Amino acid sequence: MFEFIRKRELKARKKGFANGITIGAFLGALVGGLAGILAAPDSGENTRKKLQKNALDIKDNIESDLLEVKDKINNEIAQSIEWLKKEICETKEIFKKEKDENQIQANEDAEEDA
């Protein structure tokens, strides 16, 4: 059981690293794009329009990424719940079997003493 948890933690760390790289690349592209727009010779009105368009694109990308992350988290939660339900059922079965065996042994001991 603990091996499963350890594997999930390692998997989550790897995903976190990959997500960090993705976010870093995204932010780098954003900063580079904004610097390019601001440095380009253009009228103030055109520059504002470009910035507004880029801001809307960024907003849409962030919303899309957040929905994707939300879906992944919900999927992981659902898988974890199913795993826990299975483990609980197996543990209940083990305890029930142990209880039944102890009861049988107690009955046999009582018969021997009688």
PDB file of N, CA and C in Angstrom:
ATOM      1  N   MET A   1       0.822  -1.185   0.000  1.00  0.00           N
ATOM      2  CA  MET A   1       0.000   0.000   0.000  1.00  0.00           C
ATOM      3  C   MET A   1       0.866   1.247   0.000  1.00  0.00           C
ATOM      4  N   PHE A   2       1.894   1.282   0.831  1.00  0.00           N
ATOM      5  CA  PHE A   2       2.744   2.463   0.915  1.00  0.00           C
ATOM      6  C   PHE A   2       3.568   2.643  -0.351  1.00  0.00           C
ATOM      7  N   GLU A   3       3.857   1.560  -1.027  1.00  0.00           N
ATOM      8  CA  GLU A   3       4.597   1.636  -2.296  1.00  0.00           C
ATOM      9  C   GLU A   3       3.770   2.395  -3.329  1.00  0.00           C
ATOM     10  N   PHE A   4       2.477   2.142  -3.339  1.00  0.00           N
ATOM     11  CA  PHE A   4       1.578   2.833  -4.269  1.00  0.00           C
ATOM     12  C   PHE A   4       1.595   4.340  -3.999  1.00  0.00           C
ATOM     13  N   ILE A   5       1.531   4.708  -2.732  1.00  0.00           N
ATOM     14  CA  ILE A   5       1.534   6.129  -2.364  1.00  0.00           C
ATOM     15  C   ILE A   5       2.858   6.767  -2.765  1.00  0.00           C
ATOM     16  N   ARG A   6       3.952   6.077  -2.523  1.00  0.00           N
ATOM     17  CA  ARG A   6       5.274   6.614  -2.878  1.00  0.00           C
ATOM     18  C   ARG A   6       5.369   6.821  -4.389  1.00  0.00           C
ATOM     19  N   LYS A   7       4.867   5.872  -5.164  1.00  0.00           N
ATOM     20  CA  LYS A   7       4.906   6.003  -6.625  1.00  0.00           C
ATOM     21  C   LYS A   7       4.076   7.186  -7.094  1.00  0.00           C
ATOM     22  N   ARG A   8       2.916   7.388  -6.466  1.00  0.00           N
ATOM     23  CA  ARG A   8       2.067   8.528  -6.837  1.00  0.00           C
ATOM     24  C   ARG A   8       2.756   9.848  -6.513  1.00  0.00           C
ATOM     25  N   GLU A   9       3.465   9.899  -5.389  1.00  0.00           N
ATOM     26  CA  GLU A   9       4.182  11.126  -5.025  1.00  0.00           C
ATOM     27  C   GLU A   9       5.286  11.424  -6.028  1.00  0.00           C
ATOM     28  N   LEU A  10       6.030  10.401  -6.440  1.00  0.00           N
ATOM     29  CA  LEU A  10       7.087  10.606  -7.435  1.00  0.00           C
ATOM     30  C   LEU A  10       6.501  11.072  -8.756  1.00  0.00           C
ATOM     31  N   LYS A  11       5.388  10.474  -9.144  1.00  0.00           N
ATOM     32  CA  LYS A  11       4.723  10.863 -10.392  1.00  0.00           C
ATOM     33  C   LYS A  11       4.271  12.322 -10.314  1.00  0.00           C
ATOM     34  N   ALA A  12       3.735  12.715  -9.169  1.00  0.00           N
ATOM     35  CA  ALA A  12       3.271  14.093  -8.997  1.00  0.00           C
ATOM     36  C   ALA A  12       4.442  15.079  -9.055  1.00  0.00           C
ATOM     37  N   ARG A  13       5.575  14.708  -8.477  1.00  0.00           N
ATOM     38  CA  ARG A  13       6.747  15.587  -8.530  1.00  0.00           C
ATOM     39  C   ARG A  13       7.220  15.778  -9.960  1.00  0.00           C
ATOM     40  N   LYS A  14       7.236  14.693 -10.731  1.00  0.00           N
ATOM     41  CA  LYS A  14       7.652  14.797 -12.129  1.00  0.00           C
ATOM     42  C   LYS A  14       6.699  15.686 -12.906  1.00  0.00           C
ATOM     43  N   LYS A  15       5.396  15.544 -12.659  1.00  0.00           N
ATOM     44  CA  LYS A  15       4.406  16.384 -13.326  1.00  0.00           C
ATOM     45  C   LYS A  15       4.599  17.844 -12.935  1.00  0.00           C
ATOM     46  N   GLY A  16       4.895  18.080 -11.663  1.00  0.00           N
ATOM     47  CA  GLY A  16       5.111  19.451 -11.186  1.00  0.00           C
ATOM     48  C   GLY A  16       6.287  20.089 -11.884  1.00  0.00           C
ATOM     49  N   PHE A  17       7.356  19.327 -12.088  1.00  0.00           N
ATOM     50  CA  PHE A  17       8.531  19.844 -12.784  1.00  0.00           C
ATOM     51  C   PHE A  17       8.187  20.183 -14.223  1.00  0.00           C
ATOM     52  N   ALA A  18       7.457  19.293 -14.888  1.00  0.00           N
ATOM     53  CA  ALA A  18       7.066  19.530 -16.282  1.00  0.00           C
ATOM     54  C   ALA A  18       6.139  20.733 -16.380  1.00  0.00           C
ATOM     55  N   ASN A  19       5.227  20.852 -15.434  1.00  0.00           N
ATOM     56  CA  ASN A  19       4.333  22.011 -15.435  1.00  0.00           C
ATOM     57  C   ASN A  19       5.119  23.294 -15.207  1.00  0.00           C
ATOM     58  N   GLY A  20       6.133  23.241 -14.362  1.00  0.00           N
ATOM     59  CA  GLY A  20       6.974  24.416 -14.113  1.00  0.00           C
ATOM     60  C   GLY A  20       7.704  24.854 -15.367  1.00  0.00           C
ATOM     61  N   ILE A  21       8.206  23.889 -16.110  1.00  0.00           N
ATOM     62  CA  ILE A  21       8.894  24.216 -17.372  1.00  0.00           C
ATOM     63  C   ILE A  21       7.901  24.833 -18.353  1.00  0.00           C
ATOM     64  N   THR A  22       6.712  24.274 -18.433  1.00  0.00           N
ATOM     65  CA  THR A  22       5.684  24.798 -19.342  1.00  0.00           C
ATOM     66  C   THR A  22       5.316  26.222 -18.967  1.00  0.00           C
ATOM     67  N   ILE A  23       5.104  26.461 -17.693  1.00  0.00           N
ATOM     68  CA  ILE A  23       4.749  27.804 -17.238  1.00  0.00           C
ATOM     69  C   ILE A  23       5.896  28.772 -17.502  1.00  0.00           C
ATOM     70  N   GLY A  24       7.127  28.341 -17.252  1.00  0.00           N
ATOM     71  CA  GLY A  24       8.290  29.196 -17.511  1.00  0.00           C
ATOM     72  C   GLY A  24       8.410  29.552 -18.979  1.00  0.00           C
ATOM     73  N   ALA A  25       8.199  28.579 -19.840  1.00  0.00           N
ATOM     74  CA  ALA A  25       8.274  28.843 -21.285  1.00  0.00           C
ATOM     75  C   ALA A  25       7.163  29.800 -21.707  1.00  0.00           C
ATOM     76  N   PHE A  26       5.985  29.595 -21.162  1.00  0.00           N
ATOM     77  CA  PHE A  26       4.850  30.455 -21.478  1.00  0.00           C
ATOM     78  C   PHE A  26       5.129  31.897 -21.035  1.00  0.00           C
ATOM     79  N   LEU A  27       5.607  32.060 -19.809  1.00  0.00           N
ATOM     80  CA  LEU A  27       5.902  33.404 -19.316  1.00  0.00           C
ATOM     81  C   LEU A  27       7.035  34.053 -20.103  1.00  0.00           C
ATOM     82  N   GLY A  28       8.021  33.266 -20.490  1.00  0.00           N
ATOM     83  CA  GLY A  28       9.114  33.793 -21.306  1.00  0.00           C
ATOM     84  C   GLY A  28       8.611  34.303 -22.646  1.00  0.00           C
ATOM     85  N   ALA A  29       7.730  33.537 -23.265  1.00  0.00           N
ATOM     86  CA  ALA A  29       7.152  33.961 -24.542  1.00  0.00           C
ATOM     87  C   ALA A  29       6.309  35.216 -24.360  1.00  0.00           C
ATOM     88  N   LEU A  30       5.586  35.281 -23.267  1.00  0.00           N
ATOM     89  CA  LEU A  30       4.769  36.453 -22.973  1.00  0.00           C
ATOM     90  C   LEU A  30       5.625  37.699 -22.821  1.00  0.00           C
ATOM     91  N   VAL A  31       6.645  37.603 -22.003  1.00  0.00           N
ATOM     92  CA  VAL A  31       7.524  38.760 -21.769  1.00  0.00           C
ATOM     93  C   VAL A  31       8.227  39.155 -23.065  1.00  0.00           C
ATOM     94  N   GLY A  32       8.710  38.169 -23.809  1.00  0.00           N
ATOM     95  CA  GLY A  32       9.372  38.464 -25.081  1.00  0.00           C
ATOM     96  C   GLY A  32       8.431  39.127 -26.072  1.00  0.00           C
ATOM     97  N   GLY A  33       7.202  38.632 -26.141  1.00  0.00           N
ATOM     98  CA  GLY A  33       6.215  39.222 -27.039  1.00  0.00           C
ATOM     99  C   GLY A  33       5.882  40.654 -26.674  1.00  0.00           C
ATOM    100  N   LEU A  34       5.690  40.884 -25.375  1.00  0.00           N
ATOM    101  CA  LEU A  34       5.392  42.246 -24.930  1.00  0.00           C
ATOM    102  C   LEU A  34       6.576  43.182 -25.187  1.00  0.00           C
ATOM    103  N   ALA A  35       7.772  42.704 -24.934  1.00  0.00           N
ATOM    104  CA  ALA A  35       8.954  43.534 -25.180  1.00  0.00           C
ATOM    105  C   ALA A  35       9.069  43.863 -26.663  1.00  0.00           C
ATOM    106  N   GLY A  36       8.778  42.888 -27.513  1.00  0.00           N
ATOM    107  CA  GLY A  36       8.822  43.123 -28.958  1.00  0.00           C
ATOM    108  C   GLY A  36       7.793  44.138 -29.397  1.00  0.00           C
ATOM    109  N   ILE A  37       6.592  44.049 -28.839  1.00  0.00           N
ATOM    110  CA  ILE A  37       5.536  45.003 -29.198  1.00  0.00           C
ATOM    111  C   ILE A  37       5.909  46.403 -28.741  1.00  0.00           C
ATOM    112  N   LEU A  38       6.380  46.510 -27.502  1.00  0.00           N
ATOM    113  CA  LEU A  38       6.707  47.828 -26.961  1.00  0.00           C
ATOM    114  C   LEU A  38       7.916  48.448 -27.643  1.00  0.00           C
ATOM    115  N   ALA A  39       8.835  47.631 -28.111  1.00  0.00           N
ATOM    116  CA  ALA A  39      10.050  48.154 -28.735  1.00  0.00           C
ATOM    117  C   ALA A  39       9.832  48.489 -30.210  1.00  0.00           C
ATOM    118  N   ALA A  40       8.799  47.928 -30.823  1.00  0.00           N
ATOM    119  CA  ALA A  40       8.558  48.157 -32.252  1.00  0.00           C
ATOM    120  C   ALA A  40       8.038  49.574 -32.474  1.00  0.00           C
ATOM    121  N   PRO A  41       8.524  50.226 -33.498  1.00  0.00           N
ATOM    122  CA  PRO A  41       8.027  51.579 -33.772  1.00  0.00           C
ATOM    123  C   PRO A  41       6.616  51.500 -34.361  1.00  0.00           C
ATOM    124  N   ASP A  42       5.644  51.978 -33.612  1.00  0.00           N
ATOM    125  CA  ASP A  42       4.259  51.957 -34.036  1.00  0.00           C
ATOM    126  C   ASP A  42       3.526  53.043 -33.262  1.00  0.00           C
ATOM    127  N   SER A  43       2.354  53.418 -33.727  1.00  0.00           N
ATOM    128  CA  SER A  43       1.606  54.462 -33.023  1.00  0.00           C
ATOM    129  C   SER A  43       1.096  53.913 -31.691  1.00  0.00           C
ATOM    130  N   GLY A  44       0.786  54.814 -30.787  1.00  0.00           N
ATOM    131  CA  GLY A  44       0.292  54.406 -29.474  1.00  0.00           C
ATOM    132  C   GLY A  44      -1.002  53.633 -29.569  1.00  0.00           C
ATOM    133  N   GLU A  45      -1.883  54.047 -30.472  1.00  0.00           N
ATOM    134  CA  GLU A  45      -3.164  53.364 -30.627  1.00  0.00           C
ATOM    135  C   GLU A  45      -2.968  51.931 -31.115  1.00  0.00           C
ATOM    136  N   ASN A  46      -2.106  51.737 -32.100  1.00  0.00           N
ATOM    137  CA  ASN A  46      -1.837  50.387 -32.602  1.00  0.00           C
ATOM    138  C   ASN A  46      -1.178  49.518 -31.545  1.00  0.00           C
ATOM    139  N   THR A  47      -0.270  50.117 -30.801  1.00  0.00           N
ATOM    140  CA  THR A  47       0.402  49.366 -29.739  1.00  0.00           C
ATOM    141  C   THR A  47      -0.610  48.929 -28.681  1.00  0.00           C
ATOM    142  N   ARG A  48      -1.521  49.826 -28.313  1.00  0.00           N
ATOM    143  CA  ARG A  48      -2.551  49.478 -27.328  1.00  0.00           C
ATOM    144  C   ARG A  48      -3.456  48.356 -27.853  1.00  0.00           C
ATOM    145  N   LYS A  49      -3.812  48.413 -29.136  1.00  0.00           N
ATOM    146  CA  LYS A  49      -4.639  47.366 -29.725  1.00  0.00           C
ATOM    147  C   LYS A  49      -3.915  46.021 -29.699  1.00  0.00           C
ATOM    148  N   LYS A  50      -2.622  46.046 -30.023  1.00  0.00           N
ATOM    149  CA  LYS A  50      -1.833  44.803 -30.000  1.00  0.00           C
ATOM    150  C   LYS A  50      -1.747  44.251 -28.583  1.00  0.00           C
ATOM    151  N   LEU A  51      -1.512  45.157 -27.623  1.00  0.00           N
ATOM    152  CA  LEU A  51      -1.439  44.719 -26.223  1.00  0.00           C
ATOM    153  C   LEU A  51      -2.770  44.137 -25.769  1.00  0.00           C
ATOM    154  N   GLN A  52      -3.868  44.777 -26.160  1.00  0.00           N
ATOM    155  CA  GLN A  52      -5.185  44.290 -25.777  1.00  0.00           C
ATOM    156  C   GLN A  52      -5.433  42.908 -26.388  1.00  0.00           C
ATOM    157  N   LYS A  53      -5.083  42.743 -27.661  1.00  0.00           N
ATOM    158  CA  LYS A  53      -5.266  41.455 -28.325  1.00  0.00           C
ATOM    159  C   LYS A  53      -4.419  40.387 -27.638  1.00  0.00           C
ATOM    160  N   ASN A  54      -3.160  40.736 -27.343  1.00  0.00           N
ATOM    161  CA  ASN A  54      -2.285  39.768 -26.663  1.00  0.00           C
ATOM    162  C   ASN A  54      -2.815  39.431 -25.279  1.00  0.00           C
ATOM    163  N   ALA A  55      -3.338  40.414 -24.575  1.00  0.00           N
ATOM    164  CA  ALA A  55      -3.887  40.165 -23.239  1.00  0.00           C
ATOM    165  C   ALA A  55      -5.070  39.208 -23.328  1.00  0.00           C
ATOM    166  N   LEU A  56      -5.927  39.390 -24.331  1.00  0.00           N
ATOM    167  CA  LEU A  56      -7.073  38.488 -24.499  1.00  0.00           C
ATOM    168  C   LEU A  56      -6.610  37.075 -24.862  1.00  0.00           C
ATOM    169  N   ASP A  57      -5.588  36.978 -25.718  1.00  0.00           N
ATOM    170  CA  ASP A  57      -5.038  35.665 -26.064  1.00  0.00           C
ATOM    171  C   ASP A  57      -4.471  34.975 -24.834  1.00  0.00           C
ATOM    172  N   ILE A  58      -3.753  35.737 -24.034  1.00  0.00           N
ATOM    173  CA  ILE A  58      -3.163  35.177 -22.812  1.00  0.00           C
ATOM    174  C   ILE A  58      -4.267  34.713 -21.864  1.00  0.00           C
ATOM    175  N   LYS A  59      -5.299  35.534 -21.714  1.00  0.00           N
ATOM    176  CA  LYS A  59      -6.433  35.173 -20.848  1.00  0.00           C
ATOM    177  C   LYS A  59      -7.062  33.862 -21.324  1.00  0.00           C
ATOM    178  N   ASP A  60      -7.284  33.742 -22.623  1.00  0.00           N
ATOM    179  CA  ASP A  60      -7.871  32.519 -23.165  1.00  0.00           C
ATOM    180  C   ASP A  60      -6.968  31.312 -22.922  1.00  0.00           C
ATOM    181  N   ASN A  61      -5.656  31.494 -23.103  1.00  0.00           N
ATOM    182  CA  ASN A  61      -4.709  30.397 -22.864  1.00  0.00           C
ATOM    183  C   ASN A  61      -4.709  29.972 -21.403  1.00  0.00           C
ATOM    184  N   ILE A  62      -4.740  30.941 -20.511  1.00  0.00           N
ATOM    185  CA  ILE A  62      -4.733  30.632 -19.080  1.00  0.00           C
ATOM    186  C   ILE A  62      -6.018  29.895 -18.703  1.00  0.00           C
ATOM    187  N   GLU A  63      -7.163  30.371 -19.218  1.00  0.00           N
ATOM    188  CA  GLU A  63      -8.426  29.693 -18.922  1.00  0.00           C
ATOM    189  C   GLU A  63      -8.397  28.252 -19.412  1.00  0.00           C
ATOM    190  N   SER A  64      -7.877  28.066 -20.610  1.00  0.00           N
ATOM    191  CA  SER A  64      -7.786  26.717 -21.173  1.00  0.00           C
ATOM    192  C   SER A  64      -6.867  25.836 -20.329  1.00  0.00           C
ATOM    193  N   ASP A  65      -5.716  26.369 -19.940  1.00  0.00           N
ATOM    194  CA  ASP A  65      -4.773  25.608 -19.121  1.00  0.00           C
ATOM    195  C   ASP A  65      -5.372  25.270 -17.764  1.00  0.00           C
ATOM    196  N   LEU A  66      -6.092  26.222 -17.167  1.00  0.00           N
ATOM    197  CA  LEU A  66      -6.705  25.972 -15.863  1.00  0.00           C
ATOM    198  C   LEU A  66      -7.780  24.891 -15.954  1.00  0.00           C
ATOM    199  N   LEU A  67      -8.562  24.904 -17.024  1.00  0.00           N
ATOM    200  CA  LEU A  67      -9.573  23.848 -17.198  1.00  0.00           C
ATOM    201  C   LEU A  67      -8.910  22.487 -17.359  1.00  0.00           C
ATOM    202  N   GLU A  68      -7.795  22.461 -18.081  1.00  0.00           N
ATOM    203  CA  GLU A  68      -7.074  21.201 -18.259  1.00  0.00           C
ATOM    204  C   GLU A  68      -6.531  20.692 -16.931  1.00  0.00           C
ATOM    205  N   VAL A  69      -5.960  21.597 -16.140  1.00  0.00           N
ATOM    206  CA  VAL A  69      -5.430  21.216 -14.825  1.00  0.00           C
ATOM    207  C   VAL A  69      -6.565  20.738 -13.924  1.00  0.00           C
ATOM    208  N   LYS A  70      -7.687  21.439 -13.969  1.00  0.00           N
ATOM    209  CA  LYS A  70      -8.852  21.047 -13.163  1.00  0.00           C
ATOM    210  C   LYS A  70      -9.307  19.637 -13.529  1.00  0.00           C
ATOM    211  N   ASP A  71      -9.374  19.351 -14.825  1.00  0.00           N
ATOM    212  CA  ASP A  71      -9.770  18.016 -15.263  1.00  0.00           C
ATOM    213  C   ASP A  71      -8.792  16.954 -14.783  1.00  0.00           C
ATOM    214  N   LYS A  72      -7.493  17.253 -14.862  1.00  0.00           N
ATOM    215  CA  LYS A  72      -6.485  16.296 -14.393  1.00  0.00           C
ATOM    216  C   LYS A  72      -6.622  16.052 -12.898  1.00  0.00           C
ATOM    217  N   ILE A  73      -6.830  17.110 -12.142  1.00  0.00           N
ATOM    218  CA  ILE A  73      -6.967  16.977 -10.687  1.00  0.00           C
ATOM    219  C   ILE A  73      -8.212  16.151 -10.356  1.00  0.00           C
ATOM    220  N   ASN A  74      -9.330  16.456 -11.023  1.00  0.00           N
ATOM    221  CA  ASN A  74     -10.554  15.688 -10.779  1.00  0.00           C
ATOM    222  C   ASN A  74     -10.365  14.214 -11.121  1.00  0.00           C
ATOM    223  N   ASN A  75      -9.640  13.942 -12.189  1.00  0.00           N
ATOM    224  CA  ASN A  75      -9.361  12.562 -12.580  1.00  0.00           C
ATOM    225  C   ASN A  75      -8.513  11.863 -11.514  1.00  0.00           C
ATOM    226  N   GLU A  76      -7.484  12.542 -11.038  1.00  0.00           N
ATOM    227  CA  GLU A  76      -6.627  11.963  -9.992  1.00  0.00           C
ATOM    228  C   GLU A  76      -7.422  11.710  -8.712  1.00  0.00           C
ATOM    229  N   ILE A  77      -8.296  12.642  -8.365  1.00  0.00           N
ATOM    230  CA  ILE A  77      -9.121  12.475  -7.161  1.00  0.00           C
ATOM    231  C   ILE A  77     -10.039  11.263  -7.320  1.00  0.00           C
ATOM    232  N   ALA A  78     -10.667  11.147  -8.487  1.00  0.00           N
ATOM    233  CA  ALA A  78     -11.571  10.012  -8.723  1.00  0.00           C
ATOM    234  C   ALA A  78     -10.817   8.690  -8.642  1.00  0.00           C
ATOM    235  N   GLN A  79      -9.612   8.642  -9.222  1.00  0.00           N
ATOM    236  CA  GLN A  79      -8.816   7.416  -9.165  1.00  0.00           C
ATOM    237  C   GLN A  79      -8.422   7.099  -7.722  1.00  0.00           C
ATOM    238  N   SER A  80      -8.063   8.118  -6.969  1.00  0.00           N
ATOM    239  CA  SER A  80      -7.671   7.912  -5.572  1.00  0.00           C
ATOM    240  C   SER A  80      -8.849   7.407  -4.744  1.00  0.00           C
ATOM    241  N   ILE A  81     -10.023   7.958  -4.989  1.00  0.00           N
ATOM    242  CA  ILE A  81     -11.213   7.519  -4.256  1.00  0.00           C
ATOM    243  C   ILE A  81     -11.510   6.053  -4.555  1.00  0.00           C
ATOM    244  N   GLU A  82     -11.435   5.682  -5.818  1.00  0.00           N
ATOM    245  CA  GLU A  82     -11.686   4.288  -6.191  1.00  0.00           C
ATOM    246  C   GLU A  82     -10.659   3.362  -5.543  1.00  0.00           C
ATOM    247  N   TRP A  83      -9.397   3.778  -5.546  1.00  0.00           N
ATOM    248  CA  TRP A  83      -8.347   2.974  -4.921  1.00  0.00           C
ATOM    249  C   TRP A  83      -8.621   2.823  -3.425  1.00  0.00           C
ATOM    250  N   LEU A  84      -8.998   3.924  -2.761  1.00  0.00           N
ATOM    251  CA  LEU A  84      -9.283   3.863  -1.330  1.00  0.00           C
ATOM    252  C   LEU A  84     -10.479   2.961  -1.033  1.00  0.00           C
ATOM    253  N   LYS A  85     -11.517   3.045  -1.857  1.00  0.00           N
ATOM    254  CA  LYS A  85     -12.682   2.169  -1.658  1.00  0.00           C
ATOM    255  C   LYS A  85     -12.268   0.710  -1.745  1.00  0.00           C
ATOM    256  N   LYS A  86     -11.440   0.396  -2.735  1.00  0.00           N
ATOM    257  CA  LYS A  86     -10.973  -0.978  -2.924  1.00  0.00           C
ATOM    258  C   LYS A  86     -10.161  -1.427  -1.712  1.00  0.00           C
ATOM    259  N   GLU A  87      -9.254  -0.570  -1.244  1.00  0.00           N
ATOM    260  CA  GLU A  87      -8.429  -0.911  -0.087  1.00  0.00           C
ATOM    261  C   GLU A  87      -9.278  -1.103   1.166  1.00  0.00           C
ATOM    262  N   ILE A  88     -10.282  -0.271   1.335  1.00  0.00           N
ATOM    263  CA  ILE A  88     -11.161  -0.391   2.503  1.00  0.00           C
ATOM    264  C   ILE A  88     -11.921  -1.715   2.459  1.00  0.00           C
ATOM    265  N   CYS A  89     -12.437  -2.061   1.281  1.00  0.00           N
ATOM    266  CA  CYS A  89     -13.163  -3.337   1.143  1.00  0.00           C
ATOM    267  C   CYS A  89     -12.255  -4.521   1.446  1.00  0.00           C
ATOM    268  N   GLU A  90     -11.036  -4.483   0.910  1.00  0.00           N
ATOM    269  CA  GLU A  90     -10.093  -5.577   1.158  1.00  0.00           C
ATOM    270  C   GLU A  90      -9.733  -5.659   2.641  1.00  0.00           C
ATOM    271  N   THR A  91      -9.561  -4.524   3.273  1.00  0.00           N
ATOM    272  CA  THR A  91      -9.223  -4.507   4.699  1.00  0.00           C
ATOM    273  C   THR A  91     -10.380  -5.038   5.531  1.00  0.00           C
ATOM    274  N   LYS A  92     -11.614  -4.660   5.179  1.00  0.00           N
ATOM    275  CA  LYS A  92     -12.786  -5.183   5.886  1.00  0.00           C
ATOM    276  C   LYS A  92     -12.865  -6.699   5.762  1.00  0.00           C
ATOM    277  N   GLU A  93     -12.581  -7.208   4.561  1.00  0.00           N
ATOM    278  CA  GLU A  93     -12.608  -8.651   4.345  1.00  0.00           C
ATOM    279  C   GLU A  93     -11.561  -9.352   5.212  1.00  0.00           C
ATOM    280  N   ILE A  94     -10.391  -8.772   5.302  1.00  0.00           N
ATOM    281  CA  ILE A  94      -9.327  -9.358   6.120  1.00  0.00           C
ATOM    282  C   ILE A  94      -9.750  -9.401   7.583  1.00  0.00           C
ATOM    283  N   PHE A  95     -10.298  -8.289   8.085  1.00  0.00           N
ATOM    284  CA  PHE A  95     -10.725  -8.240   9.484  1.00  0.00           C
ATOM    285  C   PHE A  95     -11.885  -9.212   9.739  1.00  0.00           C
ATOM    286  N   LYS A  96     -12.813  -9.310   8.798  1.00  0.00           N
ATOM    287  CA  LYS A  96     -13.939 -10.231   8.951  1.00  0.00           C
ATOM    288  C   LYS A  96     -13.434 -11.666   9.001  1.00  0.00           C
ATOM    289  N   LYS A  97     -12.533 -12.009   8.113  1.00  0.00           N
ATOM    290  CA  LYS A  97     -11.970 -13.363   8.084  1.00  0.00           C
ATOM    291  C   LYS A  97     -11.248 -13.663   9.401  1.00  0.00           C
ATOM    292  N   GLU A  98     -10.475 -12.694   9.859  1.00  0.00           N
ATOM    293  CA  GLU A  98      -9.733 -12.854  11.116  1.00  0.00           C
ATOM    294  C   GLU A  98     -10.698 -13.026  12.288  1.00  0.00           C
ATOM    295  N   LYS A  99     -11.772 -12.243  12.301  1.00  0.00           N
ATOM    296  CA  LYS A  99     -12.767 -12.332  13.365  1.00  0.00           C
ATOM    297  C   LYS A  99     -13.448 -13.702  13.351  1.00  0.00           C
ATOM    298  N   ASP A 100     -13.814 -14.152  12.145  1.00  0.00           N
ATOM    299  CA  ASP A 100     -14.469 -15.459  12.023  1.00  0.00           C
ATOM    300  C   ASP A 100     -13.534 -16.577  12.493  1.00  0.00           C
ATOM    301  N   GLU A 101     -12.270 -16.518  12.107  1.00  0.00           N
ATOM    302  CA  GLU A 101     -11.306 -17.531  12.536  1.00  0.00           C
ATOM    303  C   GLU A 101     -11.127 -17.514  14.048  1.00  0.00           C
ATOM    304  N   ASN A 102     -11.091 -16.327  14.629  1.00  0.00           N
ATOM    305  CA  ASN A 102     -10.960 -16.226  16.085  1.00  0.00           C
ATOM    306  C   ASN A 102     -12.200 -16.774  16.793  1.00  0.00           C
ATOM    307  N   GLN A 103     -13.375 -16.521  16.221  1.00  0.00           N
ATOM    308  CA  GLN A 103     -14.613 -17.029  16.810  1.00  0.00           C
ATOM    309  C   GLN A 103     -14.642 -18.549  16.750  1.00  0.00           C
ATOM    310  N   ILE A 104     -14.234 -19.107  15.619  1.00  0.00           N
ATOM    311  CA  ILE A 104     -14.194 -20.570  15.476  1.00  0.00           C
ATOM    312  C   ILE A 104     -13.222 -21.162  16.498  1.00  0.00           C
ATOM    313  N   GLN A 105     -12.065 -20.539  16.630  1.00  0.00           N
ATOM    314  CA  GLN A 105     -11.069 -21.017  17.586  1.00  0.00           C
ATOM    315  C   GLN A 105     -11.599 -20.921  19.015  1.00  0.00           C
ATOM    316  N   ALA A 106     -12.293 -19.835  19.338  1.00  0.00           N
ATOM    317  CA  ALA A 106     -12.866 -19.664  20.677  1.00  0.00           C
ATOM    318  C   ALA A 106     -13.929 -20.736  20.949  1.00  0.00           C
ATOM    319  N   ASN A 107     -14.742 -21.035  19.948  1.00  0.00           N
ATOM    320  CA  ASN A 107     -15.769 -22.071  20.109  1.00  0.00           C
ATOM    321  C   ASN A 107     -15.130 -23.453  20.314  1.00  0.00           C
ATOM    322  N   GLU A 108     -14.079 -23.737  19.552  1.00  0.00           N
ATOM    323  CA  GLU A 108     -13.374 -25.013  19.709  1.00  0.00           C
ATOM    324  C   GLU A 108     -12.731 -25.119  21.088  1.00  0.00           C
ATOM    325  N   ASP A 109     -12.138 -24.025  21.546  1.00  0.00           N
ATOM    326  CA  ASP A 109     -11.530 -24.009  22.895  1.00  0.00           C
ATOM    327  C   ASP A 109     -12.588 -24.225  23.963  1.00  0.00           C
ATOM    328  N   ALA A 110     -13.752 -23.606  23.773  1.00  0.00           N
ATOM    329  CA  ALA A 110     -14.830 -23.749  24.772  1.00  0.00           C
ATOM    330  C   ALA A 110     -15.348 -25.176  24.809  1.00  0.00           C
ATOM    331  N   GLU A 111     -15.436 -25.830  23.637  1.00  0.00           N
ATOM    332  CA  GLU A 111     -15.882 -27.213  23.574  1.00  0.00           C
ATOM    333  C   GLU A 111     -14.891 -28.142  24.251  1.00  0.00           C
ATOM    334  N   GLU A 112     -13.602 -27.862  24.073  1.00  0.00           N
ATOM    335  CA  GLU A 112     -12.571 -28.688  24.689  1.00  0.00           C
ATOM    336  C   GLU A 112     -12.598 -28.564  26.216  1.00  0.00           C
ATOM    337  N   ASP A 113     -12.871 -27.363  26.679  1.00  0.00           N
ATOM    338  CA  ASP A 113     -12.918 -27.132  28.123  1.00  0.00           C
ATOM    339  C   ASP A 113     -14.164 -27.742  28.750  1.00  0.00           C
ATOM    340  N   ALA A 114     -15.198 -27.924  27.954  1.00  0.00           N
ATOM    341  CA  ALA A 114     -16.466 -28.439  28.526  1.00  0.00           C
ATOM    342  C   ALA A 114     -16.454 -29.925  28.733  1.00  0.00           C
TER     343      ALA A 114
END
